[in-house]
N, C-alpha and C. Protein backbone atom coordinates (compact mmCIF):
# COMPACT_ATOMS: atom_id res chain seq x y z
N MET A 1 -21.13 -2.65 7.89
CA MET A 1 -20.19 -2.59 8.84
C MET A 1 -18.89 -1.93 8.23
N ARG A 2 -18.54 -2.24 7.07
CA ARG A 2 -17.34 -1.95 6.50
C ARG A 2 -17.44 -0.57 6.20
N ALA A 3 -18.65 0.12 5.70
CA ALA A 3 -18.66 1.44 5.47
C ALA A 3 -18.61 2.30 6.60
N ASP A 4 -19.07 1.97 7.76
CA ASP A 4 -18.84 2.56 9.08
C ASP A 4 -17.34 2.67 9.55
N THR A 5 -16.73 1.58 9.47
CA THR A 5 -14.99 1.63 9.53
C THR A 5 -14.48 2.68 8.91
N GLU A 6 -14.72 2.61 7.21
CA GLU A 6 -14.14 3.38 6.73
C GLU A 6 -14.43 4.98 6.50
N SER A 7 -15.65 5.02 7.21
CA SER A 7 -16.08 6.58 7.52
C SER A 7 -15.26 6.97 8.75
N LEU A 8 -15.33 6.14 9.72
CA LEU A 8 -14.49 6.39 11.12
C LEU A 8 -13.11 6.95 10.88
N ASN A 9 -12.29 5.91 9.93
CA ASN A 9 -10.87 6.05 9.59
C ASN A 9 -10.79 7.19 8.76
N ALA A 10 -11.74 7.72 7.85
CA ALA A 10 -11.61 8.88 7.05
C ALA A 10 -11.70 10.01 7.87
N GLN A 11 -12.64 10.11 8.99
CA GLN A 11 -12.84 11.44 9.98
C GLN A 11 -11.22 11.34 10.79
N PHE A 12 -10.74 10.11 11.16
CA PHE A 12 -9.45 10.41 11.88
C PHE A 12 -8.45 11.03 10.79
N GLU A 13 -8.29 10.22 9.51
CA GLU A 13 -7.26 11.11 8.64
C GLU A 13 -7.62 12.72 8.65
N ARG A 14 -8.83 13.14 8.40
CA ARG A 14 -9.17 14.49 8.32
C ARG A 14 -8.48 15.16 9.64
N ALA A 15 -8.94 14.66 11.14
CA ALA A 15 -8.63 15.14 12.09
C ALA A 15 -6.92 15.32 12.33
N PHE A 16 -6.35 14.20 11.78
CA PHE A 16 -4.98 14.61 11.89
C PHE A 16 -4.06 14.93 10.62
N TYR A 17 -4.72 15.96 9.86
CA TYR A 17 -4.04 16.18 8.54
C TYR A 17 -3.71 15.15 7.78
N ASN A 18 -4.42 14.20 7.42
CA ASN A 18 -4.18 13.05 6.85
C ASN A 18 -2.60 12.38 6.87
N GLN A 19 -2.49 12.40 8.32
CA GLN A 19 -1.17 11.60 8.69
C GLN A 19 -1.49 10.71 9.63
N ARG A 20 -0.50 9.71 9.96
CA ARG A 20 -0.79 8.77 10.79
C ARG A 20 -1.00 9.25 12.36
N LEU A 21 -1.73 8.18 13.19
CA LEU A 21 -1.84 8.59 14.57
C LEU A 21 -0.70 9.26 15.04
N PRO A 22 -0.51 10.26 15.86
CA PRO A 22 0.66 10.70 16.70
C PRO A 22 0.87 10.04 17.89
N ALA A 23 1.00 8.69 17.44
CA ALA A 23 1.44 7.92 18.94
C ALA A 23 2.09 6.75 18.51
N TRP A 24 3.06 5.92 19.18
CA TRP A 24 3.41 4.70 19.02
C TRP A 24 2.96 4.00 19.95
N GLY A 25 2.81 2.93 19.53
CA GLY A 25 2.17 1.53 20.99
C GLY A 25 0.88 1.41 20.65
N LEU A 26 0.40 0.26 21.23
CA LEU A 26 -1.05 0.01 21.27
C LEU A 26 -1.69 0.92 22.31
N HIS A 27 -1.09 1.08 23.27
CA HIS A 27 -1.96 1.73 24.47
C HIS A 27 -1.92 3.18 24.15
N ASN A 28 -0.90 3.60 23.64
CA ASN A 28 -0.94 5.34 23.30
C ASN A 28 -2.05 5.37 22.18
N GLN A 29 -1.94 4.50 21.25
CA GLN A 29 -2.86 4.84 20.03
C GLN A 29 -4.47 4.71 20.57
N THR A 30 -4.47 3.94 21.51
CA THR A 30 -6.01 3.62 21.98
C THR A 30 -6.36 4.79 22.77
N VAL A 31 -5.44 5.34 23.69
CA VAL A 31 -5.65 6.78 24.13
C VAL A 31 -6.05 7.84 23.25
N VAL A 32 -5.23 7.92 22.15
CA VAL A 32 -5.57 9.01 21.26
C VAL A 32 -6.90 8.82 20.34
N VAL A 33 -7.24 7.61 20.14
CA VAL A 33 -8.62 7.36 19.51
C VAL A 33 -9.57 7.56 20.28
N LEU A 34 -9.37 6.98 21.64
CA LEU A 34 -10.63 7.42 22.70
C LEU A 34 -10.66 9.11 22.81
N LEU A 35 -9.45 9.66 23.31
CA LEU A 35 -9.87 10.92 23.11
C LEU A 35 -10.30 11.92 21.90
N ALA A 36 -9.85 11.33 20.98
CA ALA A 36 -10.47 12.16 19.58
C ALA A 36 -11.89 11.73 19.37
N ALA A 37 -12.45 10.44 19.93
CA ALA A 37 -13.87 10.26 19.67
C ALA A 37 -14.53 11.18 20.75
N LEU A 38 -13.92 11.21 22.04
CA LEU A 38 -14.54 12.23 22.96
C LEU A 38 -14.85 13.60 22.44
N ALA A 39 -13.87 14.13 21.95
CA ALA A 39 -13.82 15.48 21.62
C ALA A 39 -14.75 15.57 20.34
N GLN A 40 -14.94 14.44 19.66
CA GLN A 40 -15.96 14.69 18.40
C GLN A 40 -17.28 14.80 18.86
N ASN A 41 -17.50 14.04 20.02
CA ASN A 41 -19.04 13.68 20.67
C ASN A 41 -19.14 14.84 21.71
N ALA A 42 -18.22 15.50 22.02
CA ALA A 42 -18.54 16.74 23.24
C ALA A 42 -19.57 17.69 22.54
């Protein structure tokens, strides 16, 4: 389970050029993560 979580976090870091998520607040970060997941699975 931990390896899957670390893999997902590494994918997000690569997607955002090794920076933090470009959103402030829980709801905004949730939207960014969902959209990134949709874009990757499209």
